[in-house]
Amino acid sequence: MVRKTMGNVISLKTDKDSFSMSNQGTDCFLELLEKAASGRDMTENQRKLIDFLKARREINQIAPGSASFDIVEMPWNKETLQEDTAYMMRTIREAKSETVLKKLDYRPDIRIVFPWLDRFAGMIWTLDKNYIYGDEERKTVKAGIDSIRAVMRGGDSNAKRRLLFYLDQYTDPYYGNDLTALSGPLKELLKETAASANEKDIIEEALYLLEADF
């Protein structure tokens, strides 16, 4: 029996939107989602979402109690967010089906696991761009290019991704932001990011912003 003091938390920005699972429960929760997605057609980004969940399960098996994550850490794509959210809803529903339950070599306690899946679905359903980039990103941009540069040269890929998504909005002429001081240094930083980043989506987002010619 896994001790209750060891477990994982799935959250959405705030503590009130979180729920905890035992390590054994985490493994069951993630395995159901993995098996629900197995064999189904999915886009490249939907595959990334499922791969993220697979990786959390592997982490939990190697280092129990280390698989906690916030929903915004998942590799969402702002261009396909609605489509990917719908895909995850279908996957979660399938995870609760008898067909998927039979794929396990044990019988989970659905009285415990199903409410977790429902909470997970609820978090994803409320997800929008304001969760992907929000107050933290606004503060970073307001602080200026040095603050932006610190994030983009740092090692947190999720922070880079969220900041780039926010910059996409911030530099849009529709919002009328004064880009006089920011434009030149930011373009140089985006060129640097596109040339040095290892993550394909971060490179693509940096190039997209450069093409926008703000």
C-alpha atoms as a PDB file:
ATOM      1  CA  MET A   1       0.000   0.000   0.000  1.00  0.00           C
ATOM      2  CA  VAL A   2       1.387   3.403  -0.982  1.00  0.00           C
ATOM      3  CA  ARG A   3       1.601   5.855   1.900  1.00  0.00           C
ATOM      4  CA  LYS A   4      -0.829   8.751   1.596  1.00  0.00           C
ATOM      5  CA  THR A   5       1.982  11.175   2.354  1.00  0.00           C
ATOM      6  CA  MET A   6       3.470  10.400  -1.017  1.00  0.00           C
ATOM      7  CA  GLY A   7       1.509  11.394  -4.076  1.00  0.00           C
ATOM      8  CA  ASN A   8       1.052  13.839  -6.904  1.00  0.00           C
ATOM      9  CA  VAL A   9      -1.003  16.963  -7.547  1.00  0.00           C
ATOM     10  CA  ILE A  10      -2.592  18.149 -10.789  1.00  0.00           C
ATOM     11  CA  SER A  11      -3.401  21.833 -10.710  1.00  0.00           C
ATOM     12  CA  LEU A  12      -4.579  24.751 -12.794  1.00  0.00           C
ATOM     13  CA  LYS A  13      -2.786  27.910 -11.628  1.00  0.00           C
ATOM     14  CA  THR A  14      -4.449  28.054  -8.218  1.00  0.00           C
ATOM     15  CA  ASP A  15      -4.610  25.694  -5.239  1.00  0.00           C
ATOM     16  CA  LYS A  16      -8.416  25.635  -5.319  1.00  0.00           C
ATOM     17  CA  ASP A  17      -8.249  24.081  -8.783  1.00  0.00           C
ATOM     18  CA  SER A  18      -6.003  21.196  -7.773  1.00  0.00           C
ATOM     19  CA  PHE A  19      -6.510  17.593  -6.768  1.00  0.00           C
ATOM     20  CA  SER A  20      -4.121  15.029  -5.356  1.00  0.00           C
ATOM     21  CA  MET A  21      -3.655  11.345  -6.070  1.00  0.00           C
ATOM     22  CA  SER A  22      -1.618   8.582  -4.468  1.00  0.00           C
ATOM     23  CA  ASN A  23       1.313   7.324  -6.520  1.00  0.00           C
ATOM     24  CA  GLN A  24      -0.578   4.135  -7.317  1.00  0.00           C
ATOM     25  CA  GLY A  25      -3.631   6.188  -8.238  1.00  0.00           C
ATOM     26  CA  THR A  26      -1.520   8.461 -10.441  1.00  0.00           C
ATOM     27  CA  ASP A  27      -0.224   5.477 -12.353  1.00  0.00           C
ATOM     28  CA  CYS A  28      -3.758   4.165 -12.929  1.00  0.00           C
ATOM     29  CA  PHE A  29      -5.081   7.610 -13.912  1.00  0.00           C
ATOM     30  CA  LEU A  30      -2.333   8.153 -16.506  1.00  0.00           C
ATOM     31  CA  GLU A  31      -2.424   4.582 -17.798  1.00  0.00           C
ATOM     32  CA  LEU A  32      -6.151   4.874 -18.511  1.00  0.00           C
ATOM     33  CA  LEU A  33      -5.573   8.064 -20.517  1.00  0.00           C
ATOM     34  CA  GLU A  34      -2.672   6.475 -22.392  1.00  0.00           C
ATOM     35  CA  LYS A  35      -4.715   3.398 -23.310  1.00  0.00           C
ATOM     36  CA  ALA A  36      -7.714   5.548 -24.267  1.00  0.00           C
ATOM     37  CA  ALA A  37      -5.541   7.418 -26.776  1.00  0.00           C
ATOM     38  CA  SER A  38      -3.800   4.314 -28.111  1.00  0.00           C
ATOM     39  CA  GLY A  39      -4.716   3.495 -31.700  1.00  0.00           C
ATOM     40  CA  ARG A  40      -6.786   6.641 -32.213  1.00  0.00           C
ATOM     41  CA  ASP A  41      -6.089   9.179 -34.926  1.00  0.00           C
ATOM     42  CA  MET A  42      -4.469  12.316 -33.593  1.00  0.00           C
ATOM     43  CA  THR A  43      -2.663  15.373 -34.850  1.00  0.00           C
ATOM     44  CA  GLU A  44       0.997  16.065 -34.115  1.00  0.00           C
ATOM     45  CA  ASN A  45       0.131  18.365 -31.237  1.00  0.00           C
ATOM     46  CA  GLN A  46      -2.392  15.930 -29.780  1.00  0.00           C
ATOM     47  CA  ARG A  47       0.352  13.316 -29.825  1.00  0.00           C
ATOM     48  CA  LYS A  48       2.561  15.740 -27.879  1.00  0.00           C
ATOM     49  CA  LEU A  49      -0.164  16.093 -25.253  1.00  0.00           C
ATOM     50  CA  ILE A  50      -0.429  12.335 -24.823  1.00  0.00           C
ATOM     51  CA  ASP A  51       3.361  11.961 -24.822  1.00  0.00           C
ATOM     52  CA  PHE A  52       3.491  14.517 -22.003  1.00  0.00           C
ATOM     53  CA  LEU A  53       1.125  12.362 -19.932  1.00  0.00           C
ATOM     54  CA  LYS A  54       3.139   9.227 -20.752  1.00  0.00           C
ATOM     55  CA  ALA A  55       6.276  10.983 -19.558  1.00  0.00           C
ATOM     56  CA  ARG A  56       4.598  11.916 -16.261  1.00  0.00           C
ATOM     57  CA  ARG A  57       3.700   8.277 -15.717  1.00  0.00           C
ATOM     58  CA  GLU A  58       7.285   7.221 -16.374  1.00  0.00           C
ATOM     59  CA  ILE A  59       8.508   9.828 -13.894  1.00  0.00           C
ATOM     60  CA  ASN A  60       6.055   8.567 -11.297  1.00  0.00           C
ATOM     61  CA  GLN A  61       7.306   5.009 -11.753  1.00  0.00           C
ATOM     62  CA  ILE A  62      10.962   6.021 -11.472  1.00  0.00           C
ATOM     63  CA  ALA A  63      10.562   8.607  -8.693  1.00  0.00           C
ATOM     64  CA  PRO A  64       7.167   8.238  -6.969  1.00  0.00           C
ATOM     65  CA  GLY A  65       5.740  11.547  -5.857  1.00  0.00           C
ATOM     66  CA  SER A  66       7.557  13.544  -8.561  1.00  0.00           C
ATOM     67  CA  ALA A  67       4.902  13.554 -11.298  1.00  0.00           C
ATOM     68  CA  SER A  68       2.852  16.590 -10.245  1.00  0.00           C
ATOM     69  CA  PHE A  69       2.087  19.124 -12.976  1.00  0.00           C
ATOM     70  CA  ASP A  70       0.010  22.173 -13.797  1.00  0.00           C
ATOM     71  CA  ILE A  71      -2.319  21.962 -16.790  1.00  0.00           C
ATOM     72  CA  VAL A  72      -0.566  24.920 -18.431  1.00  0.00           C
ATOM     73  CA  GLU A  73       2.675  22.889 -18.543  1.00  0.00           C
ATOM     74  CA  MET A  74       1.124  20.597 -21.127  1.00  0.00           C
ATOM     75  CA  PRO A  75       2.260  21.459 -24.692  1.00  0.00           C
ATOM     76  CA  TRP A  76      -0.877  23.279 -25.818  1.00  0.00           C
ATOM     77  CA  ASN A  77      -0.858  25.016 -29.201  1.00  0.00           C
ATOM     78  CA  LYS A  78      -2.747  28.300 -29.228  1.00  0.00           C
ATOM     79  CA  GLU A  79      -3.738  27.811 -32.880  1.00  0.00           C
ATOM     80  CA  THR A  80      -5.435  24.461 -32.236  1.00  0.00           C
ATOM     81  CA  LEU A  81      -6.472  24.891 -28.603  1.00  0.00           C
ATOM     82  CA  GLN A  82     -10.197  24.373 -29.224  1.00  0.00           C
ATOM     83  CA  GLU A  83      -9.609  21.281 -31.361  1.00  0.00           C
ATOM     84  CA  ASP A  84      -7.117  19.815 -28.893  1.00  0.00           C
ATOM     85  CA  THR A  85      -9.401  20.503 -25.942  1.00  0.00           C
ATOM     86  CA  ALA A  86     -12.184  18.589 -27.692  1.00  0.00           C
ATOM     87  CA  TYR A  87      -9.749  15.754 -28.393  1.00  0.00           C
ATOM     88  CA  MET A  88      -8.787  15.518 -24.729  1.00  0.00           C
ATOM     89  CA  MET A  89     -12.472  15.494 -23.725  1.00  0.00           C
ATOM     90  CA  ARG A  90     -13.035  12.493 -26.000  1.00  0.00           C
ATOM     91  CA  THR A  91      -9.947  10.765 -24.638  1.00  0.00           C
ATOM     92  CA  ILE A  92     -11.084  11.262 -21.045  1.00  0.00           C
ATOM     93  CA  ARG A  93     -14.550   9.909 -21.821  1.00  0.00           C
ATOM     94  CA  GLU A  94     -12.975   6.888 -23.510  1.00  0.00           C
ATOM     95  CA  ALA A  95     -10.716   6.356 -20.483  1.00  0.00           C
ATOM     96  CA  LYS A  96     -13.868   5.670 -18.442  1.00  0.00           C
ATOM     97  CA  SER A  97     -15.247   3.124 -20.907  1.00  0.00           C
ATOM     98  CA  GLU A  98     -15.458  -0.576 -20.232  1.00  0.00           C
ATOM     99  CA  THR A  99     -13.364  -1.181 -23.365  1.00  0.00           C
ATOM    100  CA  VAL A 100     -10.402   0.674 -21.892  1.00  0.00           C
ATOM    101  CA  LEU A 101     -10.897  -0.649 -18.362  1.00  0.00           C
ATOM    102  CA  LYS A 102     -10.596  -4.190 -19.741  1.00  0.00           C
ATOM    103  CA  LYS A 103      -7.162  -3.337 -21.153  1.00  0.00           C
ATOM    104  CA  LEU A 104      -5.743  -3.072 -17.631  1.00  0.00           C
ATOM    105  CA  ASP A 105      -4.390  -6.168 -15.942  1.00  0.00           C
ATOM    106  CA  TYR A 106      -6.104  -5.111 -12.715  1.00  0.00           C
ATOM    107  CA  ARG A 107      -9.488  -3.686 -11.778  1.00  0.00           C
ATOM    108  CA  PRO A 108      -9.229  -0.049 -10.627  1.00  0.00           C
ATOM    109  CA  ASP A 109     -11.572   1.449  -8.066  1.00  0.00           C
ATOM    110  CA  ILE A 110     -13.642   3.607 -10.400  1.00  0.00           C
ATOM    111  CA  ARG A 111     -15.254   5.343  -7.405  1.00  0.00           C
ATOM    112  CA  ILE A 112     -11.863   6.989  -6.878  1.00  0.00           C
ATOM    113  CA  VAL A 113     -10.403   7.217 -10.393  1.00  0.00           C
ATOM    114  CA  PHE A 114     -13.453   8.493 -12.291  1.00  0.00           C
ATOM    115  CA  PRO A 115     -13.835  11.653 -10.155  1.00  0.00           C
ATOM    116  CA  TRP A 116     -10.156  12.418 -10.880  1.00  0.00           C
ATOM    117  CA  LEU A 117     -10.814  12.090 -14.598  1.00  0.00           C
ATOM    118  CA  ASP A 118     -13.846  14.361 -14.244  1.00  0.00           C
ATOM    119  CA  ARG A 119     -11.784  16.992 -12.407  1.00  0.00           C
ATOM    120  CA  PHE A 120      -9.095  16.764 -15.085  1.00  0.00           C
ATOM    121  CA  ALA A 121     -11.718  17.248 -17.800  1.00  0.00           C
ATOM    122  CA  GLY A 122     -13.161  20.243 -15.982  1.00  0.00           C
ATOM    123  CA  MET A 123      -9.764  21.924 -15.798  1.00  0.00           C
ATOM    124  CA  ILE A 124      -9.069  21.378 -19.475  1.00  0.00           C
ATOM    125  CA  TRP A 125     -12.546  22.550 -20.454  1.00  0.00           C
ATOM    126  CA  THR A 126     -11.959  25.903 -18.777  1.00  0.00           C
ATOM    127  CA  LEU A 127      -8.505  26.285 -20.301  1.00  0.00           C
ATOM    128  CA  ASP A 128      -8.020  29.212 -22.659  1.00  0.00           C
ATOM    129  CA  LYS A 129      -5.235  31.528 -23.730  1.00  0.00           C
ATOM    130  CA  ASN A 130      -5.535  33.506 -20.502  1.00  0.00           C
ATOM    131  CA  TYR A 131      -4.342  30.423 -18.641  1.00  0.00           C
ATOM    132  CA  ILE A 132      -1.524  29.735 -21.088  1.00  0.00           C
ATOM    133  CA  TYR A 133      -0.208  33.250 -20.735  1.00  0.00           C
ATOM    134  CA  GLY A 134      -1.341  35.523 -17.957  1.00  0.00           C
ATOM    135  CA  ASP A 135      -0.173  37.760 -15.129  1.00  0.00           C
ATOM    136  CA  GLU A 136       3.382  36.442 -14.977  1.00  0.00           C
ATOM    137  CA  GLU A 137       3.946  37.063 -18.682  1.00  0.00           C
ATOM    138  CA  ARG A 138       2.400  40.527 -18.507  1.00  0.00           C
ATOM    139  CA  LYS A 139       4.750  41.453 -15.661  1.00  0.00           C
ATOM    140  CA  THR A 140       7.743  40.142 -17.610  1.00  0.00           C
ATOM    141  CA  VAL A 141       6.950  42.235 -20.680  1.00  0.00           C
ATOM    142  CA  LYS A 142       6.134  45.308 -18.601  1.00  0.00           C
ATOM    143  CA  ALA A 143       9.561  45.014 -16.923  1.00  0.00           C
ATOM    144  CA  GLY A 144      11.236  45.399 -20.307  1.00  0.00           C
ATOM    145  CA  ILE A 145      13.621  43.644 -22.667  1.00  0.00           C
ATOM    146  CA  ASP A 146      16.085  42.548 -19.958  1.00  0.00           C
ATOM    147  CA  SER A 147      13.306  40.655 -18.193  1.00  0.00           C
ATOM    148  CA  ILE A 148      12.150  39.104 -21.478  1.00  0.00           C
ATOM    149  CA  ARG A 149      15.722  38.163 -22.356  1.00  0.00           C
ATOM    150  CA  ALA A 150      16.208  36.430 -19.003  1.00  0.00           C
ATOM    151  CA  VAL A 151      13.250  34.135 -19.695  1.00  0.00           C
ATOM    152  CA  MET A 152      14.176  33.402 -23.307  1.00  0.00           C
ATOM    153  CA  ARG A 153      17.771  32.562 -22.384  1.00  0.00           C
ATOM    154  CA  GLY A 154      16.708  30.487 -19.408  1.00  0.00           C
ATOM    155  CA  GLY A 155      16.106  26.767 -19.226  1.00  0.00           C
ATOM    156  CA  ASP A 156      12.338  26.707 -18.685  1.00  0.00           C
ATOM    157  CA  SER A 157      10.781  25.755 -22.025  1.00  0.00           C
ATOM    158  CA  ASN A 158       7.242  26.167 -20.715  1.00  0.00           C
ATOM    159  CA  ALA A 159       8.004  29.727 -19.579  1.00  0.00           C
ATOM    160  CA  LYS A 160       9.485  30.516 -23.010  1.00  0.00           C
ATOM    161  CA  ARG A 161       6.444  29.111 -24.764  1.00  0.00           C
ATOM    162  CA  ARG A 162       3.977  31.067 -22.613  1.00  0.00           C
ATOM    163  CA  LEU A 163       5.949  34.290 -23.034  1.00  0.00           C
ATOM    164  CA  LEU A 164       6.074  33.911 -26.814  1.00  0.00           C
ATOM    165  CA  PHE A 165       2.320  33.314 -26.899  1.00  0.00           C
ATOM    166  CA  TYR A 166       1.773  36.453 -24.865  1.00  0.00           C
ATOM    167  CA  LEU A 167       4.132  38.479 -27.065  1.00  0.00           C
ATOM    168  CA  ASP A 168       2.096  37.375 -30.078  1.00  0.00           C
ATOM    169  CA  GLN A 169      -0.860  39.177 -28.548  1.00  0.00           C
ATOM    170  CA  TYR A 170       1.115  42.097 -27.135  1.00  0.00           C
ATOM    171  CA  THR A 171       2.733  43.006 -30.466  1.00  0.00           C
ATOM    172  CA  ASP A 172      -0.532  42.813 -32.399  1.00  0.00           C
ATOM    173  CA  PRO A 173      -1.355  46.354 -33.669  1.00  0.00           C
ATOM    174  CA  TYR A 174      -4.958  45.815 -32.608  1.00  0.00           C
ATOM    175  CA  TYR A 175      -4.002  46.344 -28.958  1.00  0.00           C
ATOM    176  CA  GLY A 176      -2.167  49.617 -29.635  1.00  0.00           C
ATOM    177  CA  ASN A 177       0.822  48.953 -27.381  1.00  0.00           C
ATOM    178  CA  ASP A 178       3.798  51.303 -27.729  1.00  0.00           C
ATOM    179  CA  LEU A 179       6.566  49.125 -29.203  1.00  0.00           C
ATOM    180  CA  THR A 180       9.032  51.931 -29.935  1.00  0.00           C
ATOM    181  CA  ALA A 181      11.655  50.884 -27.385  1.00  0.00           C
ATOM    182  CA  LEU A 182      10.907  47.175 -27.501  1.00  0.00           C
ATOM    183  CA  SER A 183      10.714  46.446 -31.230  1.00  0.00           C
ATOM    184  CA  GLY A 184      14.400  46.424 -32.214  1.00  0.00           C
ATOM    185  CA  PRO A 185      15.841  44.542 -29.202  1.00  0.00           C
ATOM    186  CA  LEU A 186      12.964  42.042 -29.265  1.00  0.00           C
ATOM    187  CA  LYS A 187      13.528  41.234 -32.941  1.00  0.00           C
ATOM    188  CA  GLU A 188      17.204  40.547 -32.230  1.00  0.00           C
ATOM    189  CA  LEU A 189      16.238  38.303 -29.324  1.00  0.00           C
ATOM    190  CA  LEU A 190      13.728  36.411 -31.478  1.00  0.00           C
ATOM    191  CA  LYS A 191      16.414  35.828 -34.128  1.00  0.00           C
ATOM    192  CA  GLU A 192      18.690  34.493 -31.408  1.00  0.00           C
ATOM    193  CA  THR A 193      15.925  32.232 -30.104  1.00  0.00           C
ATOM    194  CA  ALA A 194      15.103  30.876 -33.561  1.00  0.00           C
ATOM    195  CA  ALA A 195      18.783  30.066 -34.128  1.00  0.00           C
ATOM    196  CA  SER A 196      19.526  28.495 -30.761  1.00  0.00           C
ATOM    197  CA  ALA A 197      16.351  26.839 -29.429  1.00  0.00           C
ATOM    198  CA  ASN A 198      16.033  23.055 -29.561  1.00  0.00           C
ATOM    199  CA  GLU A 199      12.239  22.931 -29.369  1.00  0.00           C
ATOM    200  CA  LYS A 200      10.571  23.034 -32.768  1.00  0.00           C
ATOM    201  CA  ASP A 201       7.451  24.855 -31.572  1.00  0.00           C
ATOM    202  CA  ILE A 202       9.498  27.572 -29.847  1.00  0.00           C
ATOM    203  CA  ILE A 203      11.530  28.128 -33.018  1.00  0.00           C
ATOM    204  CA  GLU A 204       8.350  28.275 -35.096  1.00  0.00           C
ATOM    205  CA  GLU A 205       6.734  30.784 -32.739  1.00  0.00           C
ATOM    206  CA  ALA A 206       9.825  33.013 -32.764  1.00  0.00           C
ATOM    207  CA  LEU A 207       9.889  32.971 -36.576  1.00  0.00           C
ATOM    208  CA  TYR A 208       6.164  33.665 -36.698  1.00  0.00           C
ATOM    209  CA  LEU A 209       6.609  36.767 -34.559  1.00  0.00           C
ATOM    210  CA  LEU A 210       9.482  37.953 -36.756  1.00  0.00           C
ATOM    211  CA  GLU A 211       7.341  37.552 -39.862  1.00  0.00           C
ATOM    212  CA  ALA A 212       4.645  39.698 -38.247  1.00  0.00           C
ATOM    213  CA  ASP A 213       7.117  42.617 -38.492  1.00  0.00           C
ATOM    214  CA  PHE A 214       5.800  44.570 -35.502  1.00  0.00           C
END
